[in-house]
PDB file of N, CA and C in Angstrom:
ATOM      1  N   MET A   1      39.231 -40.735  -4.838  1.00  0.00           N
ATOM      2  CA  MET A   1      39.312 -39.672  -5.820  1.00  0.00           C
ATOM      3  C   MET A   1      38.448 -38.518  -5.320  1.00  0.00           C
ATOM      4  N   THR A   2      39.003 -37.335  -5.364  1.00  0.00           N
ATOM      5  CA  THR A   2      38.246 -36.169  -4.920  1.00  0.00           C
ATOM      6  C   THR A   2      37.185 -35.818  -5.951  1.00  0.00           C
ATOM      7  N   ARG A   3      36.233 -35.017  -5.535  1.00  0.00           N
ATOM      8  CA  ARG A   3      35.164 -34.587  -6.448  1.00  0.00           C
ATOM      9  C   ARG A   3      35.760 -33.831  -7.628  1.00  0.00           C
ATOM     10  N   ARG A   4      36.743 -32.988  -7.371  1.00  0.00           N
ATOM     11  CA  ARG A   4      37.372 -32.205  -8.453  1.00  0.00           C
ATOM     12  C   ARG A   4      38.068 -33.136  -9.449  1.00  0.00           C
ATOM     13  N   ALA A   5      38.797 -34.124  -8.939  1.00  0.00           N
ATOM     14  CA  ALA A   5      39.488 -35.073  -9.822  1.00  0.00           C
ATOM     15  C   ALA A   5      38.482 -35.869 -10.639  1.00  0.00           C
ATOM     16  N   ALA A   6      37.382 -36.260 -10.011  1.00  0.00           N
ATOM     17  CA  ALA A   6      36.347 -37.005 -10.737  1.00  0.00           C
ATOM     18  C   ALA A   6      35.742 -36.147 -11.843  1.00  0.00           C
ATOM     19  N   LEU A   7      35.488 -34.878 -11.552  1.00  0.00           N
ATOM     20  CA  LEU A   7      34.933 -33.976 -12.574  1.00  0.00           C
ATOM     21  C   LEU A   7      35.914 -33.773 -13.721  1.00  0.00           C
ATOM     22  N   LEU A   8      37.192 -33.632 -13.410  1.00  0.00           N
ATOM     23  CA  LEU A   8      38.200 -33.466 -14.461  1.00  0.00           C
ATOM     24  C   LEU A   8      38.295 -34.730 -15.319  1.00  0.00           C
ATOM     25  N   ALA A   9      38.245 -35.896 -14.688  1.00  0.00           N
ATOM     26  CA  ALA A   9      38.301 -37.150 -15.439  1.00  0.00           C
ATOM     27  C   ALA A   9      37.076 -37.282 -16.339  1.00  0.00           C
ATOM     28  N   ALA A  10      35.898 -36.941 -15.828  1.00  0.00           N
ATOM     29  CA  ALA A  10      34.673 -37.008 -16.634  1.00  0.00           C
ATOM     30  C   ALA A  10      34.739 -36.026 -17.796  1.00  0.00           C
ATOM     31  N   PHE A  11      35.248 -34.818 -17.559  1.00  0.00           N
ATOM     32  CA  PHE A  11      35.372 -33.830 -18.634  1.00  0.00           C
ATOM     33  C   PHE A  11      36.330 -34.327 -19.704  1.00  0.00           C
ATOM     34  N   ALA A  12      37.441 -34.908 -19.289  1.00  0.00           N
ATOM     35  CA  ALA A  12      38.413 -35.421 -20.265  1.00  0.00           C
ATOM     36  C   ALA A  12      37.785 -36.516 -21.116  1.00  0.00           C
ATOM     37  N   LEU A  13      37.027 -37.398 -20.473  1.00  0.00           N
ATOM     38  CA  LEU A  13      36.377 -38.482 -21.205  1.00  0.00           C
ATOM     39  C   LEU A  13      35.342 -37.935 -22.180  1.00  0.00           C
ATOM     40  N   LEU A  14      34.537 -36.983 -21.741  1.00  0.00           N
ATOM     41  CA  LEU A  14      33.486 -36.424 -22.597  1.00  0.00           C
ATOM     42  C   LEU A  14      34.041 -35.561 -23.721  1.00  0.00           C
ATOM     43  N   SER A  15      35.193 -34.957 -23.514  1.00  0.00           N
ATOM     44  CA  SER A  15      35.753 -34.105 -24.564  1.00  0.00           C
ATOM     45  C   SER A  15      36.574 -34.888 -25.573  1.00  0.00           C
ATOM     46  N   THR A  16      36.798 -36.181 -25.327  1.00  0.00           N
ATOM     47  CA  THR A  16      37.496 -37.040 -26.279  1.00  0.00           C
ATOM     48  C   THR A  16      36.509 -37.462 -27.355  1.00  0.00           C
ATOM     49  N   PRO A  17      36.871 -37.320 -28.650  1.00  0.00           N
ATOM     50  CA  PRO A  17      35.934 -37.715 -29.703  1.00  0.00           C
ATOM     51  C   PRO A  17      35.567 -39.190 -29.588  1.00  0.00           C
ATOM     52  N   LEU A  18      34.308 -39.498 -29.802  1.00  0.00           N
ATOM     53  CA  LEU A  18      33.875 -40.887 -29.797  1.00  0.00           C
ATOM     54  C   LEU A  18      34.337 -41.556 -31.070  1.00  0.00           C
ATOM     55  N   LEU A  19      34.720 -42.810 -30.980  1.00  0.00           N
ATOM     56  CA  LEU A  19      35.157 -43.545 -32.149  1.00  0.00           C
ATOM     57  C   LEU A  19      33.925 -44.011 -32.918  1.00  0.00           C
ATOM     58  N   THR A  20      33.748 -43.519 -34.130  1.00  0.00           N
ATOM     59  CA  THR A  20      32.614 -43.933 -34.940  1.00  0.00           C
ATOM     60  C   THR A  20      33.086 -44.701 -36.164  1.00  0.00           C
ATOM     61  N   ALA A  21      34.366 -44.743 -36.364  1.00  0.00           N
ATOM     62  CA  ALA A  21      34.901 -45.427 -37.546  1.00  0.00           C
ATOM     63  C   ALA A  21      35.082 -46.910 -37.271  1.00  0.00           C
ATOM     64  N   ALA A  22      35.225 -47.650 -38.349  1.00  0.00           N
ATOM     65  CA  ALA A  22      35.592 -49.056 -38.213  1.00  0.00           C
ATOM     66  C   ALA A  22      36.998 -49.093 -37.636  1.00  0.00           C
ATOM     67  N   GLU A  23      37.436 -50.263 -37.250  1.00  0.00           N
ATOM     68  CA  GLU A  23      38.793 -50.389 -36.734  1.00  0.00           C
ATOM     69  C   GLU A  23      39.784 -49.812 -37.723  1.00  0.00           C
ATOM     70  N   ASP A  24      40.953 -49.419 -37.207  1.00  0.00           N
ATOM     71  CA  ASP A  24      41.995 -48.912 -38.094  1.00  0.00           C
ATOM     72  C   ASP A  24      42.276 -49.948 -39.173  1.00  0.00           C
ATOM     73  N   PRO A  25      42.514 -49.482 -40.404  1.00  0.00           N
ATOM     74  CA  PRO A  25      42.824 -50.433 -41.483  1.00  0.00           C
ATOM     75  C   PRO A  25      44.035 -51.301 -41.118  1.00  0.00           C
ATOM     76  N   LYS A  26      43.937 -52.566 -41.456  1.00  0.00           N
ATOM     77  CA  LYS A  26      45.002 -53.530 -41.179  1.00  0.00           C
ATOM     78  C   LYS A  26      45.410 -54.210 -42.486  1.00  0.00           C
ATOM     79  N   PRO A  27      46.602 -54.819 -42.524  1.00  0.00           N
ATOM     80  CA  PRO A  27      46.978 -55.570 -43.725  1.00  0.00           C
ATOM     81  C   PRO A  27      45.949 -56.651 -44.026  1.00  0.00           C
ATOM     82  N   VAL A  28      45.733 -56.892 -45.311  1.00  0.00           N
ATOM     83  CA  VAL A  28      44.809 -57.941 -45.748  1.00  0.00           C
ATOM     84  C   VAL A  28      45.555 -58.871 -46.696  1.00  0.00           C
ATOM     85  N   PRO A  29      45.166 -60.156 -46.729  1.00  0.00           N
ATOM     86  CA  PRO A  29      45.802 -61.061 -47.688  1.00  0.00           C
ATOM     87  C   PRO A  29      45.616 -60.540 -49.109  1.00  0.00           C
ATOM     88  N   LYS A  30      46.674 -60.635 -49.894  1.00  0.00           N
ATOM     89  CA  LYS A  30      46.645 -60.134 -51.266  1.00  0.00           C
ATOM     90  C   LYS A  30      45.831 -61.073 -52.156  1.00  0.00           C
ATOM     91  N   ALA A  31      44.863 -60.497 -52.886  1.00  0.00           N
ATOM     92  CA  ALA A  31      44.007 -61.251 -53.812  1.00  0.00           C
ATOM     93  C   ALA A  31      43.956 -60.472 -55.116  1.00  0.00           C
ATOM     94  N   GLY A  32      45.067 -60.435 -55.827  1.00  0.00           N
ATOM     95  CA  GLY A  32      45.159 -59.614 -57.036  1.00  0.00           C
ATOM     96  C   GLY A  32      45.757 -58.269 -56.676  1.00  0.00           C
ATOM     97  N   PRO A  33      45.566 -57.271 -57.550  1.00  0.00           N
ATOM     98  CA  PRO A  33      46.129 -55.942 -57.256  1.00  0.00           C
ATOM     99  C   PRO A  33      45.566 -55.390 -55.943  1.00  0.00           C
ATOM    100  N   CYS A  34      46.407 -54.699 -55.193  1.00  0.00           N
ATOM    101  CA  CYS A  34      45.973 -54.104 -53.925  1.00  0.00           C
ATOM    102  C   CYS A  34      44.966 -52.983 -54.187  1.00  0.00           C
ATOM    103  N   PRO A  35      44.027 -52.795 -53.258  1.00  0.00           N
ATOM    104  CA  PRO A  35      43.036 -51.733 -53.422  1.00  0.00           C
ATOM    105  C   PRO A  35      43.659 -50.354 -53.220  1.00  0.00           C
ATOM    106  N   PRO A  36      42.957 -49.300 -53.608  1.00  0.00           N
ATOM    107  CA  PRO A  36      43.474 -47.935 -53.410  1.00  0.00           C
ATOM    108  C   PRO A  36      43.818 -47.685 -51.940  1.00  0.00           C
ATOM    109  N   GLY A  37      44.957 -47.041 -51.700  1.00  0.00           N
ATOM    110  CA  GLY A  37      45.389 -46.741 -50.338  1.00  0.00           C
ATOM    111  C   GLY A  37      46.217 -47.842 -49.707  1.00  0.00           C
ATOM    112  N   TYR A  38      46.487 -48.919 -50.452  1.00  0.00           N
ATOM    113  CA  TYR A  38      47.264 -50.053 -49.946  1.00  0.00           C
ATOM    114  C   TYR A  38      48.430 -50.319 -50.883  1.00  0.00           C
ATOM    115  N   TYR A  39      49.524 -50.862 -50.348  1.00  0.00           N
ATOM    116  CA  TYR A  39      50.660 -51.236 -51.189  1.00  0.00           C
ATOM    117  C   TYR A  39      50.997 -52.709 -50.944  1.00  0.00           C
ATOM    118  N   SER A  40      51.620 -53.316 -51.923  1.00  0.00           N
ATOM    119  CA  SER A  40      51.951 -54.724 -51.873  1.00  0.00           C
ATOM    120  C   SER A  40      53.204 -54.949 -51.029  1.00  0.00           C
ATOM    121  N   ALA A  41      53.129 -55.937 -50.141  1.00  0.00           N
ATOM    122  CA  ALA A  41      54.275 -56.359 -49.334  1.00  0.00           C
ATOM    123  C   ALA A  41      54.183 -57.871 -49.201  1.00  0.00           C
ATOM    124  N   GLY A  42      54.856 -58.579 -50.086  1.00  0.00           N
ATOM    125  CA  GLY A  42      54.787 -60.039 -50.078  1.00  0.00           C
ATOM    126  C   GLY A  42      53.391 -60.504 -50.445  1.00  0.00           C
ATOM    127  N   ASN A  43      52.786 -61.302 -49.591  1.00  0.00           N
ATOM    128  CA  ASN A  43      51.449 -61.839 -49.836  1.00  0.00           C
ATOM    129  C   ASN A  43      50.347 -60.987 -49.220  1.00  0.00           C
ATOM    130  N   TYR A  44      50.668 -59.748 -48.838  1.00  0.00           N
ATOM    131  CA  TYR A  44      49.704 -58.875 -48.185  1.00  0.00           C
ATOM    132  C   TYR A  44      49.597 -57.526 -48.884  1.00  0.00           C
ATOM    133  N   CYS A  45      48.463 -56.884 -48.666  1.00  0.00           N
ATOM    134  CA  CYS A  45      48.264 -55.486 -49.039  1.00  0.00           C
ATOM    135  C   CYS A  45      48.269 -54.718 -47.724  1.00  0.00           C
ATOM    136  N   VAL A  46      49.179 -53.768 -47.615  1.00  0.00           N
ATOM    137  CA  VAL A  46      49.393 -53.034 -46.372  1.00  0.00           C
ATOM    138  C   VAL A  46      48.852 -51.615 -46.534  1.00  0.00           C
ATOM    139  N   PRO A  47      48.077 -51.128 -45.544  1.00  0.00           N
ATOM    140  CA  PRO A  47      47.489 -49.790 -45.668  1.00  0.00           C
ATOM    141  C   PRO A  47      48.515 -48.686 -45.480  1.00  0.00           C
ATOM    142  N   ASN A  48      48.331 -47.590 -46.235  1.00  0.00           N
ATOM    143  CA  ASN A  48      49.111 -46.391 -45.946  1.00  0.00           C
ATOM    144  C   ASN A  48      48.313 -45.569 -44.945  1.00  0.00           C
ATOM    145  N   LYS A  49      48.787 -44.401 -44.577  1.00  0.00           N
ATOM    146  CA  LYS A  49      48.143 -43.661 -43.485  1.00  0.00           C
ATOM    147  C   LYS A  49      46.759 -43.119 -43.832  1.00  0.00           C
ATOM    148  N   CYS A  50      46.388 -43.070 -45.101  1.00  0.00           N
ATOM    149  CA  CYS A  50      45.066 -42.549 -45.459  1.00  0.00           C
ATOM    150  C   CYS A  50      44.168 -43.634 -46.058  1.00  0.00           C
ATOM    151  N   ALA A  51      44.463 -44.903 -45.764  1.00  0.00           N
ATOM    152  CA  ALA A  51      43.696 -46.019 -46.320  1.00  0.00           C
ATOM    153  C   ALA A  51      42.333 -46.146 -45.651  1.00  0.00           C
ATOM    154  N   LYS A  52      41.377 -46.647 -46.420  1.00  0.00           N
ATOM    155  CA  LYS A  52      40.038 -46.940 -45.910  1.00  0.00           C
ATOM    156  C   LYS A  52      40.005 -48.387 -45.441  1.00  0.00           C
ATOM    157  N   PRO A  53      39.026 -48.741 -44.591  1.00  0.00           N
ATOM    158  CA  PRO A  53      38.894 -50.146 -44.188  1.00  0.00           C
ATOM    159  C   PRO A  53      38.636 -51.029 -45.409  1.00  0.00           C
ATOM    160  N   VAL A  54      39.219 -52.215 -45.435  1.00  0.00           N
ATOM    161  CA  VAL A  54      39.078 -53.137 -46.566  1.00  0.00           C
ATOM    162  C   VAL A  54      38.821 -54.545 -46.031  1.00  0.00           C
ATOM    163  N   ILE A  55      37.977 -55.278 -46.755  1.00  0.00           N
ATOM    164  CA  ILE A  55      37.772 -56.692 -46.489  1.00  0.00           C
ATOM    165  C   ILE A  55      37.822 -57.416 -47.822  1.00  0.00           C
ATOM    166  N   GLY A  56      38.126 -58.694 -47.791  1.00  0.00           N
ATOM    167  CA  GLY A  56      38.096 -59.493 -49.012  1.00  0.00           C
ATOM    168  C   GLY A  56      36.667 -59.597 -49.523  1.00  0.00           C
ATOM    169  N   LYS A  57      36.498 -59.549 -50.830  1.00  0.00           N
ATOM    170  CA  LYS A  57      35.162 -59.599 -51.433  1.00  0.00           C
ATOM    171  C   LYS A  57      34.721 -61.053 -51.564  1.00  0.00           C
ATOM    172  N   ASP A  58      33.551 -61.356 -50.988  1.00  0.00           N
ATOM    173  CA  ASP A  58      32.952 -62.686 -51.065  1.00  0.00           C
ATOM    174  C   ASP A  58      31.472 -62.487 -51.379  1.00  0.00           C
ATOM    175  N   GLY A  59      31.166 -62.313 -52.644  1.00  0.00           N
ATOM    176  CA  GLY A  59      29.798 -61.980 -53.038  1.00  0.00           C
ATOM    177  C   GLY A  59      29.587 -60.485 -52.953  1.00  0.00           C
ATOM    178  N   PRO A  60      28.332 -60.039 -52.868  1.00  0.00           N
ATOM    179  CA  PRO A  60      28.075 -58.599 -52.775  1.00  0.00           C
ATOM    180  C   PRO A  60      28.700 -58.011 -51.513  1.00  0.00           C
ATOM    181  N   CYS A  61      29.192 -56.795 -51.613  1.00  0.00           N
ATOM    182  CA  CYS A  61      29.774 -56.115 -50.450  1.00  0.00           C
ATOM    183  C   CYS A  61      28.675 -55.797 -49.439  1.00  0.00           C
ATOM    184  N   PRO A  62      29.027 -55.791 -48.157  1.00  0.00           N
ATOM    185  CA  PRO A  62      28.029 -55.478 -47.131  1.00  0.00           C
ATOM    186  C   PRO A  62      27.667 -53.991 -47.153  1.00  0.00           C
ATOM    187  N   PRO A  63      26.566 -53.611 -46.504  1.00  0.00           N
ATOM    188  CA  PRO A  63      26.173 -52.197 -46.455  1.00  0.00           C
ATOM    189  C   PRO A  63      27.305 -51.318 -45.925  1.00  0.00           C
ATOM    190  N   GLY A  64      27.516 -50.181 -46.571  1.00  0.00           N
ATOM    191  CA  GLY A  64      28.577 -49.254 -46.168  1.00  0.00           C
ATOM    192  C   GLY A  64      29.906 -49.527 -46.845  1.00  0.00           C
ATOM    193  N   TYR A  65      29.976 -50.563 -47.676  1.00  0.00           N
ATOM    194  CA  TYR A  65      31.197 -50.923 -48.400  1.00  0.00           C
ATOM    195  C   TYR A  65      30.891 -50.953 -49.892  1.00  0.00           C
ATOM    196  N   TYR A  66      31.916 -50.750 -50.724  1.00  0.00           N
ATOM    197  CA  TYR A  66      31.729 -50.825 -52.169  1.00  0.00           C
ATOM    198  C   TYR A  66      32.844 -51.663 -52.786  1.00  0.00           C
ATOM    199  N   ALA A  67      32.532 -52.282 -53.924  1.00  0.00           N
ATOM    200  CA  ALA A  67      33.472 -53.184 -54.586  1.00  0.00           C
ATOM    201  C   ALA A  67      34.607 -52.424 -55.244  1.00  0.00           C
ATOM    202  N   SER A  68      35.818 -52.969 -55.105  1.00  0.00           N
ATOM    203  CA  SER A  68      37.010 -52.473 -55.778  1.00  0.00           C
ATOM    204  C   SER A  68      37.888 -53.683 -56.055  1.00  0.00           C
ATOM    205  N   GLY A  69      37.773 -54.219 -57.270  1.00  0.00           N
ATOM    206  CA  GLY A  69      38.515 -55.428 -57.611  1.00  0.00           C
ATOM    207  C   GLY A  69      38.046 -56.592 -56.756  1.00  0.00           C
ATOM    208  N   ASN A  70      38.971 -57.260 -56.088  1.00  0.00           N
ATOM    209  CA  ASN A  70      38.652 -58.410 -55.240  1.00  0.00           C
ATOM    210  C   ASN A  70      38.415 -58.024 -53.787  1.00  0.00           C
ATOM    211  N   TYR A  71      38.150 -56.752 -53.547  1.00  0.00           N
ATOM    212  CA  TYR A  71      37.997 -56.234 -52.190  1.00  0.00           C
ATOM    213  C   TYR A  71      36.714 -55.427 -52.067  1.00  0.00           C
ATOM    214  N   CYS A  72      36.294 -55.234 -50.827  1.00  0.00           N
ATOM    215  CA  CYS A  72      35.212 -54.309 -50.500  1.00  0.00           C
ATOM    216  C   CYS A  72      35.837 -53.216 -49.647  1.00  0.00           C
ATOM    217  N   LEU A  73      35.702 -51.970 -50.095  1.00  0.00           N
ATOM    218  CA  LEU A  73      36.256 -50.833 -49.372  1.00  0.00           C
ATOM    219  C   LEU A  73      35.158 -50.133 -48.599  1.00  0.00           C
ATOM    220  N   GLY A  74      35.469 -49.740 -47.379  1.00  0.00           N
ATOM    221  CA  GLY A  74      34.527 -49.027 -46.542  1.00  0.00           C
ATOM    222  C   GLY A  74      34.860 -47.549 -46.482  1.00  0.00           C
ATOM    223  N   ARG A  75      33.973 -46.820 -45.846  1.00  0.00           N
ATOM    224  CA  ARG A  75      34.229 -45.412 -45.546  1.00  0.00           C
ATOM    225  C   ARG A  75      34.808 -45.362 -44.140  1.00  0.00           C
ATOM    226  N   PRO A  76      35.378 -44.225 -43.750  1.00  0.00           N
ATOM    227  CA  PRO A  76      35.929 -44.150 -42.389  1.00  0.00           C
ATOM    228  C   PRO A  76      34.894 -44.467 -41.301  1.00  0.00           C
ATOM    229  N   ASP A  77      33.605 -44.240 -41.582  1.00  0.00           N
ATOM    230  CA  ASP A  77      32.576 -44.498 -40.572  1.00  0.00           C
ATOM    231  C   ASP A  77      31.860 -45.837 -40.773  1.00  0.00           C
ATOM    232  N   SER A  78      32.379 -46.691 -41.657  1.00  0.00           N
ATOM    233  CA  SER A  78      31.755 -47.992 -41.899  1.00  0.00           C
ATOM    234  C   SER A  78      31.864 -48.877 -40.666  1.00  0.00           C
ATOM    235  N   LYS A  79      30.854 -49.724 -40.476  1.00  0.00           N
ATOM    236  CA  LYS A  79      30.892 -50.668 -39.364  1.00  0.00           C
ATOM    237  C   LYS A  79      31.988 -51.702 -39.594  1.00  0.00           C
ATOM    238  N   THR A  80      32.491 -52.259 -38.513  1.00  0.00           N
ATOM    239  CA  THR A  80      33.469 -53.330 -38.595  1.00  0.00           C
ATOM    240  C   THR A  80      32.787 -54.580 -39.143  1.00  0.00           C
ATOM    241  N   VAL A  81      33.429 -55.236 -40.090  1.00  0.00           N
ATOM    242  CA  VAL A  81      32.880 -56.418 -40.747  1.00  0.00           C
ATOM    243  C   VAL A  81      33.905 -57.539 -40.692  1.00  0.00           C
ATOM    244  N   ILE A  82      33.426 -58.760 -40.468  1.00  0.00           N
ATOM    245  CA  ILE A  82      34.292 -59.935 -40.520  1.00  0.00           C
ATOM    246  C   ILE A  82      33.665 -60.954 -41.454  1.00  0.00           C
ATOM    247  N   GLU A  83      34.494 -61.854 -41.951  1.00  0.00           N
ATOM    248  CA  GLU A  83      34.001 -62.922 -42.812  1.00  0.00           C
ATOM    249  C   GLU A  83      33.097 -63.845 -42.002  1.00  0.00           C
ATOM    250  N   LYS A  84      31.984 -64.244 -42.590  1.00  0.00           N
ATOM    251  CA  LYS A  84      31.032 -65.112 -41.906  1.00  0.00           C
ATOM    252  C   LYS A  84      31.450 -66.566 -42.084  1.00  0.00           C
ATOM    253  N   ARG A  85      31.642 -67.253 -40.971  1.00  0.00           N
ATOM    254  CA  ARG A  85      31.974 -68.687 -40.966  1.00  0.00           C
ATOM    255  C   ARG A  85      31.059 -69.353 -39.962  1.00  0.00           C
ATOM    256  N   GLY A  86      29.845 -69.644 -40.381  1.00  0.00           N
ATOM    257  CA  GLY A  86      28.837 -70.167 -39.465  1.00  0.00           C
ATOM    258  C   GLY A  86      28.098 -69.018 -38.820  1.00  0.00           C
ATOM    259  N   PRO A  87      27.484 -69.260 -37.666  1.00  0.00           N
ATOM    260  CA  PRO A  87      26.749 -68.182 -36.991  1.00  0.00           C
ATOM    261  C   PRO A  87      27.692 -67.043 -36.597  1.00  0.00           C
ATOM    262  N   CYS A  88      27.183 -65.824 -36.636  1.00  0.00           N
ATOM    263  CA  CYS A  88      27.994 -64.664 -36.244  1.00  0.00           C
ATOM    264  C   CYS A  88      28.240 -64.686 -34.737  1.00  0.00           C
ATOM    265  N   PRO A  89      29.390 -64.184 -34.305  1.00  0.00           N
ATOM    266  CA  PRO A  89      29.682 -64.162 -32.866  1.00  0.00           C
ATOM    267  C   PRO A  89      28.824 -63.114 -32.149  1.00  0.00           C
ATOM    268  N   PRO A  90      28.783 -63.174 -30.818  1.00  0.00           N
ATOM    269  CA  PRO A  90      28.038 -62.170 -30.062  1.00  0.00           C
ATOM    270  C   PRO A  90      28.515 -60.757 -30.415  1.00  0.00           C
ATOM    271  N   GLY A  91      27.566 -59.834 -30.556  1.00  0.00           N
ATOM    272  CA  GLY A  91      27.892 -58.454 -30.889  1.00  0.00           C
ATOM    273  C   GLY A  91      27.924 -58.184 -32.375  1.00  0.00           C
ATOM    274  N   TYR A  92      27.662 -59.212 -33.201  1.00  0.00           N
ATOM    275  CA  TYR A  92      27.641 -59.081 -34.649  1.00  0.00           C
ATOM    276  C   TYR A  92      26.325 -59.629 -35.177  1.00  0.00           C
ATOM    277  N   TYR A  93      25.909 -59.138 -36.340  1.00  0.00           N
ATOM    278  CA  TYR A  93      24.720 -59.684 -36.988  1.00  0.00           C
ATOM    279  C   TYR A  93      25.058 -60.054 -38.424  1.00  0.00           C
ATOM    280  N   SER A  94      24.279 -60.967 -38.981  1.00  0.00           N
ATOM    281  CA  SER A  94      24.520 -61.503 -40.321  1.00  0.00           C
ATOM    282  C   SER A  94      24.094 -60.515 -41.397  1.00  0.00           C
ATOM    283  N   SER A  95      24.931 -60.371 -42.422  1.00  0.00           N
ATOM    284  CA  SER A  95      24.625 -59.568 -43.613  1.00  0.00           C
ATOM    285  C   SER A  95      25.279 -60.264 -44.801  1.00  0.00           C
ATOM    286  N   GLY A  96      24.503 -61.092 -45.504  1.00  0.00           N
ATOM    287  CA  GLY A  96      25.058 -61.844 -46.626  1.00  0.00           C
ATOM    288  C   GLY A  96      26.142 -62.788 -46.147  1.00  0.00           C
ATOM    289  N   ASN A  97      27.312 -62.697 -46.763  1.00  0.00           N
ATOM    290  CA  ASN A  97      28.450 -63.556 -46.402  1.00  0.00           C
ATOM    291  C   ASN A  97      29.328 -62.946 -45.318  1.00  0.00           C
ATOM    292  N   TYR A  98      28.821 -61.934 -44.629  1.00  0.00           N
ATOM    293  CA  TYR A  98      29.609 -61.207 -43.641  1.00  0.00           C
ATOM    294  C   TYR A  98      28.865 -61.115 -42.307  1.00  0.00           C
ATOM    295  N   CYS A  99      29.611 -60.814 -41.261  1.00  0.00           N
ATOM    296  CA  CYS A  99      29.042 -60.492 -39.957  1.00  0.00           C
ATOM    297  C   CYS A  99      29.425 -59.038 -39.671  1.00  0.00           C
ATOM    298  N   MET A 100      28.423 -58.223 -39.392  1.00  0.00           N
ATOM    299  CA  MET A 100      28.656 -56.799 -39.125  1.00  0.00           C
ATOM    300  C   MET A 100      28.527 -56.529 -37.642  1.00  0.00           C
ATOM    301  N   LYS A 101      29.431 -55.706 -37.134  1.00  0.00           N
ATOM    302  CA  LYS A 101      29.419 -55.382 -35.715  1.00  0.00           C
ATOM    303  C   LYS A 101      28.222 -54.498 -35.405  1.00  0.00           C
ATOM    304  N   SER A 102      27.487 -54.860 -34.363  1.00  0.00           N
ATOM    305  CA  SER A 102      26.390 -54.011 -33.881  1.00  0.00           C
ATOM    306  C   SER A 102      26.995 -52.794 -33.217  1.00  0.00           C
ATOM    307  N   ARG A 103      26.348 -51.657 -33.336  1.00  0.00           N
ATOM    308  CA  ARG A 103      26.891 -50.439 -32.684  1.00  0.00           C
ATOM    309  C   ARG A 103      26.387 -50.321 -31.294  1.00  0.00           C
TER     310      ARG A 103
END
């Protein structure tokens, strides 16, 4: 790679916005009425294009999330959270009944 090509590649990488949001919202198992921004499709709640990250509620919601029915809704910049089943995997830390992704 030439020096010019390397500089252009570095500029392209640096000018791309860094991802600070949690993963894109994904369908979640339905546990009562779907949360705001989601619609019912069989046994799932499916996100629309402006949906916030959602996880099933298991006790108090983790930091950066708030309760909405049987779900915890995040903000676009909320950390990725997974259900805690034993010790958290590498790259995650424990927060109540959840494992939160380290940044």
